[in-house]
Structure formats: C-alpha cells, structure tokens
N, C-alpha and C. Protein backbone atom coordinates (compact mmCIF):
# COMPACT_ATOMS: atom_id res chain seq x y z
N MET A 1 -49.14 41.55 -95.43
CA MET A 1 -48.46 42.10 -94.28
C MET A 1 -47.07 41.48 -94.22
N SER A 2 -46.07 42.31 -94.02
CA SER A 2 -44.71 41.80 -94.01
C SER A 2 -44.35 41.19 -92.65
N LEU A 3 -43.35 40.32 -92.69
CA LEU A 3 -42.88 39.65 -91.48
C LEU A 3 -42.36 40.67 -90.46
N LYS A 4 -41.71 41.71 -90.95
CA LYS A 4 -41.18 42.75 -90.07
C LYS A 4 -42.30 43.45 -89.29
N ARG A 5 -43.38 43.70 -89.99
CA ARG A 5 -44.51 44.38 -89.36
C ARG A 5 -45.17 43.46 -88.30
N VAL A 6 -45.31 42.18 -88.58
CA VAL A 6 -45.90 41.21 -87.66
C VAL A 6 -45.04 41.10 -86.40
N VAL A 7 -43.72 41.01 -86.57
CA VAL A 7 -42.81 40.92 -85.44
C VAL A 7 -42.89 42.21 -84.61
N GLY A 8 -42.95 43.34 -85.26
CA GLY A 8 -43.05 44.63 -84.57
C GLY A 8 -44.31 44.72 -83.72
N ILE A 9 -45.43 44.28 -84.28
CA ILE A 9 -46.69 44.30 -83.54
C ILE A 9 -46.62 43.32 -82.36
N GLY A 10 -46.02 42.16 -82.58
CA GLY A 10 -45.88 41.17 -81.51
C GLY A 10 -45.04 41.70 -80.36
N VAL A 11 -43.93 42.34 -80.67
CA VAL A 11 -43.06 42.92 -79.64
C VAL A 11 -43.82 44.01 -78.89
N PHE A 12 -44.56 44.84 -79.61
CA PHE A 12 -45.35 45.90 -78.97
C PHE A 12 -46.37 45.32 -78.00
N VAL A 13 -47.07 44.27 -78.40
CA VAL A 13 -48.08 43.64 -77.55
C VAL A 13 -47.42 43.06 -76.30
N ILE A 14 -46.27 42.42 -76.43
CA ILE A 14 -45.56 41.83 -75.29
C ILE A 14 -45.12 42.93 -74.32
N VAL A 15 -44.54 43.99 -74.83
CA VAL A 15 -44.09 45.11 -73.99
C VAL A 15 -45.28 45.72 -73.26
N LEU A 16 -46.40 45.89 -73.94
CA LEU A 16 -47.60 46.45 -73.33
C LEU A 16 -48.12 45.53 -72.22
N ALA A 17 -48.10 44.22 -72.44
CA ALA A 17 -48.56 43.26 -71.44
C ALA A 17 -47.65 43.29 -70.20
N VAL A 18 -46.35 43.32 -70.40
CA VAL A 18 -45.41 43.37 -69.28
C VAL A 18 -45.58 44.68 -68.49
N ALA A 19 -45.75 45.78 -69.19
CA ALA A 19 -45.95 47.07 -68.52
C ALA A 19 -47.23 47.06 -67.69
N SER A 20 -48.28 46.44 -68.21
CA SER A 20 -49.54 46.36 -67.48
C SER A 20 -49.39 45.53 -66.21
N VAL A 21 -48.71 44.40 -66.30
CA VAL A 21 -48.49 43.54 -65.13
C VAL A 21 -47.66 44.29 -64.08
N LEU A 22 -46.61 44.96 -64.50
CA LEU A 22 -45.78 45.72 -63.55
C LEU A 22 -46.57 46.86 -62.91
N ALA A 23 -47.42 47.52 -63.66
CA ALA A 23 -48.21 48.62 -63.12
C ALA A 23 -49.18 48.13 -62.05
N LEU A 24 -49.72 46.93 -62.25
CA LEU A 24 -50.65 46.38 -61.27
C LEU A 24 -49.94 45.76 -60.07
N ALA A 25 -48.86 45.05 -60.29
CA ALA A 25 -48.15 44.35 -59.21
C ALA A 25 -47.31 45.30 -58.37
N ARG A 26 -46.75 46.34 -58.97
CA ARG A 26 -45.91 47.34 -58.30
C ARG A 26 -44.86 46.71 -57.39
N PRO A 27 -43.95 45.88 -57.92
CA PRO A 27 -42.95 45.23 -57.07
C PRO A 27 -41.98 46.20 -56.41
N TRP A 28 -41.87 47.40 -56.91
CA TRP A 28 -40.97 48.39 -56.32
C TRP A 28 -41.58 49.03 -55.08
N ASP A 29 -42.88 48.93 -54.90
CA ASP A 29 -43.55 49.55 -53.77
C ASP A 29 -43.63 48.55 -52.63
N ARG A 30 -42.68 48.63 -51.70
CA ARG A 30 -42.61 47.68 -50.61
C ARG A 30 -43.08 48.30 -49.30
N THR A 31 -43.94 49.30 -49.40
CA THR A 31 -44.48 49.94 -48.21
C THR A 31 -45.48 49.01 -47.55
N ASN A 32 -45.44 48.97 -46.24
CA ASN A 32 -46.33 48.10 -45.50
C ASN A 32 -47.07 48.91 -44.45
N SER A 33 -48.35 48.77 -44.39
CA SER A 33 -49.12 49.46 -43.38
C SER A 33 -49.63 48.51 -42.31
N GLY A 34 -49.04 47.34 -42.21
CA GLY A 34 -49.45 46.43 -41.17
C GLY A 34 -50.34 45.31 -41.65
N SER A 35 -50.25 44.89 -42.88
CA SER A 35 -51.11 43.84 -43.42
C SER A 35 -50.35 42.53 -43.50
N GLY A 36 -50.20 41.85 -42.34
CA GLY A 36 -49.55 40.55 -42.32
C GLY A 36 -48.03 40.62 -42.33
N GLU A 37 -47.47 41.75 -42.15
CA GLU A 37 -46.01 41.92 -42.13
C GLU A 37 -45.64 42.59 -40.81
N ALA A 38 -44.59 43.37 -40.84
CA ALA A 38 -44.19 44.12 -39.65
C ALA A 38 -45.07 45.36 -39.54
N ALA A 39 -45.44 45.71 -38.31
CA ALA A 39 -46.29 46.88 -38.09
C ALA A 39 -46.03 47.44 -36.69
N VAL A 40 -46.18 48.74 -36.57
CA VAL A 40 -46.07 49.40 -35.27
C VAL A 40 -47.40 49.21 -34.54
N GLN A 41 -47.34 48.64 -33.34
CA GLN A 41 -48.55 48.36 -32.56
C GLN A 41 -48.89 49.48 -31.58
N GLN A 42 -47.85 50.17 -31.08
CA GLN A 42 -48.10 51.28 -30.16
C GLN A 42 -46.90 52.20 -30.11
N ALA A 43 -47.15 53.41 -29.66
CA ALA A 43 -46.09 54.40 -29.46
C ALA A 43 -46.23 54.97 -28.06
N THR A 44 -45.11 55.13 -27.38
CA THR A 44 -45.10 55.76 -26.06
C THR A 44 -44.16 56.95 -26.14
N LEU A 45 -44.68 58.12 -25.81
CA LEU A 45 -43.88 59.34 -25.85
C LEU A 45 -43.52 59.77 -24.44
N ARG A 46 -42.22 59.98 -24.23
CA ARG A 46 -41.68 60.51 -23.00
C ARG A 46 -40.79 61.69 -23.40
N PRO A 47 -40.50 62.59 -22.49
CA PRO A 47 -39.65 63.73 -22.85
C PRO A 47 -38.35 63.28 -23.52
N GLY A 48 -38.13 63.74 -24.74
CA GLY A 48 -36.89 63.46 -25.47
C GLY A 48 -36.82 62.12 -26.17
N GLU A 49 -37.90 61.31 -26.11
CA GLU A 49 -37.85 60.02 -26.79
C GLU A 49 -39.24 59.52 -27.19
N ILE A 50 -39.23 58.71 -28.21
CA ILE A 50 -40.42 58.03 -28.70
C ILE A 50 -40.10 56.54 -28.73
N SER A 51 -40.90 55.74 -28.04
CA SER A 51 -40.72 54.28 -28.04
C SER A 51 -41.82 53.65 -28.88
N LEU A 52 -41.42 52.81 -29.82
CA LEU A 52 -42.37 52.11 -30.67
C LEU A 52 -42.31 50.62 -30.39
N VAL A 53 -43.44 49.94 -30.44
CA VAL A 53 -43.47 48.48 -30.36
C VAL A 53 -43.75 47.99 -31.78
N LEU A 54 -42.75 47.30 -32.34
CA LEU A 54 -42.84 46.77 -33.70
C LEU A 54 -43.10 45.27 -33.61
N SER A 55 -44.21 44.83 -34.20
CA SER A 55 -44.50 43.39 -34.22
C SER A 55 -44.25 42.86 -35.62
N ASN A 56 -43.80 41.63 -35.70
CA ASN A 56 -43.48 41.00 -36.98
C ASN A 56 -44.41 39.81 -37.19
N GLU A 57 -45.39 39.98 -38.06
CA GLU A 57 -46.35 38.91 -38.35
C GLU A 57 -46.01 38.18 -39.64
N SER A 58 -44.82 38.38 -40.17
CA SER A 58 -44.42 37.71 -41.40
C SER A 58 -43.74 36.38 -41.07
N ASP A 59 -43.32 35.67 -42.10
CA ASP A 59 -42.64 34.39 -41.93
C ASP A 59 -41.12 34.55 -41.85
N GLU A 60 -40.63 35.78 -42.02
CA GLU A 60 -39.19 36.02 -42.02
C GLU A 60 -38.82 37.04 -40.95
N SER A 61 -37.58 36.98 -40.50
CA SER A 61 -37.10 37.97 -39.54
C SER A 61 -37.02 39.34 -40.20
N ALA A 62 -37.26 40.38 -39.41
CA ALA A 62 -37.18 41.75 -39.91
C ALA A 62 -36.12 42.49 -39.11
N ARG A 63 -35.28 43.25 -39.80
CA ARG A 63 -34.25 44.04 -39.14
C ARG A 63 -34.41 45.49 -39.55
N VAL A 64 -34.61 46.36 -38.58
CA VAL A 64 -34.76 47.79 -38.87
C VAL A 64 -33.37 48.35 -39.13
N ALA A 65 -33.19 48.94 -40.30
CA ALA A 65 -31.89 49.49 -40.69
C ALA A 65 -31.82 51.00 -40.44
N GLN A 66 -32.92 51.69 -40.70
CA GLN A 66 -32.94 53.15 -40.55
C GLN A 66 -34.35 53.58 -40.16
N ILE A 67 -34.41 54.73 -39.50
CA ILE A 67 -35.71 55.32 -39.18
C ILE A 67 -35.69 56.76 -39.65
N ILE A 68 -36.77 57.12 -40.34
CA ILE A 68 -36.95 58.49 -40.82
C ILE A 68 -38.15 59.08 -40.08
N LEU A 69 -37.94 60.21 -39.44
CA LEU A 69 -38.98 60.90 -38.70
C LEU A 69 -39.17 62.27 -39.32
N ASN A 70 -40.35 62.52 -39.87
CA ASN A 70 -40.63 63.78 -40.59
C ASN A 70 -39.52 64.12 -41.58
N ASP A 71 -39.18 63.18 -42.42
CA ASP A 71 -38.20 63.34 -43.52
C ASP A 71 -36.76 63.53 -43.07
N ALA A 72 -36.42 63.15 -41.85
CA ALA A 72 -35.04 63.24 -41.37
C ALA A 72 -34.64 61.92 -40.70
N PHE A 73 -33.44 61.47 -40.98
CA PHE A 73 -32.93 60.26 -40.32
C PHE A 73 -32.69 60.57 -38.85
N VAL A 74 -33.05 59.63 -37.98
CA VAL A 74 -32.90 59.84 -36.53
C VAL A 74 -32.18 58.65 -35.91
N ASP A 75 -31.57 58.92 -34.74
CA ASP A 75 -30.90 57.86 -33.98
C ASP A 75 -31.95 57.01 -33.28
N PHE A 76 -31.70 55.71 -33.20
CA PHE A 76 -32.62 54.82 -32.51
C PHE A 76 -31.84 53.68 -31.87
N HIS A 77 -32.50 53.00 -30.94
CA HIS A 77 -31.89 51.87 -30.24
C HIS A 77 -32.94 50.77 -30.12
N GLN A 78 -32.49 49.55 -30.31
CA GLN A 78 -33.35 48.39 -30.08
C GLN A 78 -32.53 47.33 -29.38
N THR A 79 -33.17 46.50 -28.57
CA THR A 79 -32.44 45.51 -27.77
C THR A 79 -32.00 44.31 -28.60
N GLN A 80 -32.76 43.96 -29.61
CA GLN A 80 -32.42 42.84 -30.49
C GLN A 80 -32.08 43.40 -31.87
N SER A 81 -31.17 42.73 -32.58
CA SER A 81 -30.79 43.21 -33.90
C SER A 81 -31.86 42.91 -34.95
N GLU A 82 -32.75 41.95 -34.67
CA GLU A 82 -33.82 41.64 -35.60
C GLU A 82 -35.05 41.17 -34.84
N VAL A 83 -36.19 41.29 -35.49
CA VAL A 83 -37.45 40.86 -34.90
C VAL A 83 -37.83 39.54 -35.56
N LYS A 84 -37.86 38.50 -34.77
CA LYS A 84 -38.20 37.16 -35.27
C LYS A 84 -39.67 37.10 -35.68
N PRO A 85 -40.04 36.17 -36.55
CA PRO A 85 -41.45 36.01 -36.93
C PRO A 85 -42.32 35.76 -35.70
N GLY A 86 -43.42 36.47 -35.61
CA GLY A 86 -44.35 36.32 -34.49
C GLY A 86 -43.94 37.05 -33.23
N ALA A 87 -42.81 37.72 -33.24
CA ALA A 87 -42.31 38.42 -32.05
C ALA A 87 -42.54 39.93 -32.17
N ALA A 88 -42.25 40.62 -31.09
CA ALA A 88 -42.34 42.08 -31.06
C ALA A 88 -41.07 42.63 -30.45
N GLU A 89 -40.74 43.85 -30.78
CA GLU A 89 -39.50 44.49 -30.31
C GLU A 89 -39.80 45.95 -30.01
N GLN A 90 -39.20 46.46 -28.93
CA GLN A 90 -39.32 47.87 -28.61
C GLN A 90 -38.15 48.61 -29.24
N ILE A 91 -38.48 49.69 -29.93
CA ILE A 91 -37.48 50.53 -30.58
C ILE A 91 -37.60 51.93 -29.97
N THR A 92 -36.50 52.46 -29.48
CA THR A 92 -36.50 53.77 -28.85
C THR A 92 -35.80 54.77 -29.75
N ILE A 93 -36.50 55.85 -30.04
CA ILE A 93 -35.97 56.92 -30.90
C ILE A 93 -35.66 58.12 -30.01
N SER A 94 -34.43 58.61 -30.10
CA SER A 94 -34.06 59.82 -29.38
C SER A 94 -34.52 61.01 -30.21
N TYR A 95 -35.52 61.75 -29.70
CA TYR A 95 -36.05 62.86 -30.48
C TYR A 95 -36.81 63.82 -29.56
N PRO A 96 -36.49 65.11 -29.62
CA PRO A 96 -37.18 66.10 -28.78
C PRO A 96 -38.53 66.51 -29.39
N TRP A 97 -39.52 65.63 -29.30
CA TRP A 97 -40.82 65.89 -29.90
C TRP A 97 -41.52 67.05 -29.18
N ILE A 98 -42.47 67.64 -29.88
CA ILE A 98 -43.18 68.80 -29.34
C ILE A 98 -44.65 68.44 -29.19
N SER A 99 -45.20 68.69 -28.03
CA SER A 99 -46.60 68.37 -27.75
C SER A 99 -47.52 69.06 -28.75
N GLY A 100 -48.49 68.30 -29.26
CA GLY A 100 -49.46 68.84 -30.20
C GLY A 100 -49.06 68.72 -31.66
N GLU A 101 -47.80 68.42 -31.94
CA GLU A 101 -47.33 68.29 -33.32
C GLU A 101 -47.63 66.90 -33.87
N ASN A 102 -47.66 66.77 -35.19
CA ASN A 102 -47.84 65.49 -35.87
C ASN A 102 -46.47 64.98 -36.34
N TYR A 103 -46.28 63.66 -36.30
CA TYR A 103 -45.02 63.07 -36.72
C TYR A 103 -45.27 61.86 -37.61
N ASP A 104 -44.60 61.84 -38.76
CA ASP A 104 -44.64 60.70 -39.66
C ASP A 104 -43.37 59.90 -39.44
N VAL A 105 -43.53 58.62 -39.09
CA VAL A 105 -42.40 57.76 -38.81
C VAL A 105 -42.33 56.68 -39.88
N ARG A 106 -41.15 56.48 -40.45
CA ARG A 106 -40.95 55.43 -41.45
C ARG A 106 -39.77 54.57 -41.01
N LEU A 107 -40.04 53.30 -40.71
CA LEU A 107 -38.99 52.36 -40.37
C LEU A 107 -38.60 51.63 -41.64
N MET A 108 -37.33 51.69 -41.99
CA MET A 108 -36.84 51.02 -43.20
C MET A 108 -36.12 49.74 -42.77
N THR A 109 -36.54 48.61 -43.33
CA THR A 109 -35.91 47.35 -42.97
C THR A 109 -34.72 47.07 -43.88
N ALA A 110 -33.92 46.12 -43.48
CA ALA A 110 -32.73 45.76 -44.25
C ALA A 110 -33.10 45.21 -45.62
N SER A 111 -34.33 44.66 -45.76
CA SER A 111 -34.76 44.12 -47.05
C SER A 111 -35.28 45.20 -47.99
N GLY A 112 -35.42 46.42 -47.50
CA GLY A 112 -35.90 47.52 -48.33
C GLY A 112 -37.37 47.85 -48.10
N ALA A 113 -38.08 47.03 -47.34
CA ALA A 113 -39.48 47.31 -47.03
C ALA A 113 -39.56 48.44 -46.02
N THR A 114 -40.68 49.12 -46.00
CA THR A 114 -40.88 50.18 -45.01
C THR A 114 -42.15 49.92 -44.21
N VAL A 115 -42.12 50.38 -42.98
CA VAL A 115 -43.28 50.33 -42.10
C VAL A 115 -43.56 51.77 -41.71
N GLU A 116 -44.76 52.23 -42.00
CA GLU A 116 -45.09 53.61 -41.72
C GLU A 116 -46.04 53.71 -40.54
N TYR A 117 -45.86 54.78 -39.77
CA TYR A 117 -46.70 55.02 -38.59
C TYR A 117 -46.83 56.53 -38.43
N GLU A 118 -48.01 56.97 -38.02
CA GLU A 118 -48.24 58.40 -37.83
C GLU A 118 -48.65 58.68 -36.40
N ILE A 119 -48.01 59.66 -35.82
CA ILE A 119 -48.37 60.14 -34.48
C ILE A 119 -49.09 61.46 -34.69
N GLU A 120 -50.35 61.50 -34.33
CA GLU A 120 -51.15 62.71 -34.48
C GLU A 120 -51.27 63.41 -33.15
N GLU A 121 -51.05 64.70 -33.14
CA GLU A 121 -51.14 65.53 -31.94
C GLU A 121 -50.41 64.87 -30.77
N ALA A 122 -49.11 64.82 -30.89
CA ALA A 122 -48.25 64.15 -29.90
C ALA A 122 -48.52 64.66 -28.48
N HIS A 123 -48.56 63.70 -27.57
CA HIS A 123 -48.67 64.01 -26.14
C HIS A 123 -48.04 62.88 -25.36
N ALA A 124 -47.56 63.18 -24.16
CA ALA A 124 -46.90 62.17 -23.34
C ALA A 124 -47.88 61.03 -23.04
N GLY A 125 -47.35 59.82 -23.09
CA GLY A 125 -48.17 58.66 -22.80
C GLY A 125 -48.12 57.66 -23.95
N THR A 126 -48.99 56.65 -23.86
CA THR A 126 -49.01 55.57 -24.84
C THR A 126 -50.20 55.73 -25.78
N GLN A 127 -49.92 55.50 -27.07
CA GLN A 127 -50.95 55.55 -28.10
C GLN A 127 -50.96 54.22 -28.82
N GLN A 128 -52.12 53.61 -28.95
CA GLN A 128 -52.25 52.34 -29.68
C GLN A 128 -52.42 52.62 -31.16
N ALA A 129 -51.93 51.68 -31.97
CA ALA A 129 -52.05 51.83 -33.44
C ALA A 129 -53.48 51.59 -33.86
C-alpha cells in the first residue's frame, strides 16, 4: 500500500469523524424551547397587541433583537434592553391579531439564539406556556 493511499484514507476517516460530530452536536441550531435558557412563560392578548413574559434561566443576559410573528418581522417594545439571568421581562408586540387564529412567535436574541412560542386559537386574555 502506498503512502499516498494511506494518507488519503486517513484524511477521509478524519473528515467523516468531524462530519459525524457536527451532525450530532448541531452547533448551528440555536433554537430554544425553554430548556434552561430563555423561554416565554405566558402570553396576554388584548386588542391590537400581544404581551409576552420572557424568563431567562440561563447564566447570561439575553437581549431580544427581533421578533418574527407568522414569518413577518413585527414592532415590539420592552422596558429593559436585556433580561438578566434569573429575571423575567414583559415584551409587548403591536399586532392586530384575529380571534381563533394560530400564531407562531420567534424571538431572536442578539446572540443568534431563538425562542419559539405558539399561540393556538388566539383569544383575549392570558395563556400560560
């Protein structure tokens, strides 16, 4: 067996091992559904607005940079620029929601992570996560 062939096989094995680790670890997938990080705890719907309570259970501050509601960027307001570890923040989204409709909400943080929340059959009042 030639040295070239041995090196080629070695490189192939290394590339295959790295690809396997990346496929399992998925470092590009920073979606969070509330497992020890930031998560939406409740939603309150009032005419023309949706208020979310975002809690941060991580060790780092979280800053919401953008909100996507049903695949569209929406305007929002929060009283603090970031949510400290262990704290919660109310985020108000200006949106003319329709009773009975479903809404997918994605909060994108400044670090690139996302927090997803679903409102099923929207109605006025408070819904717990």
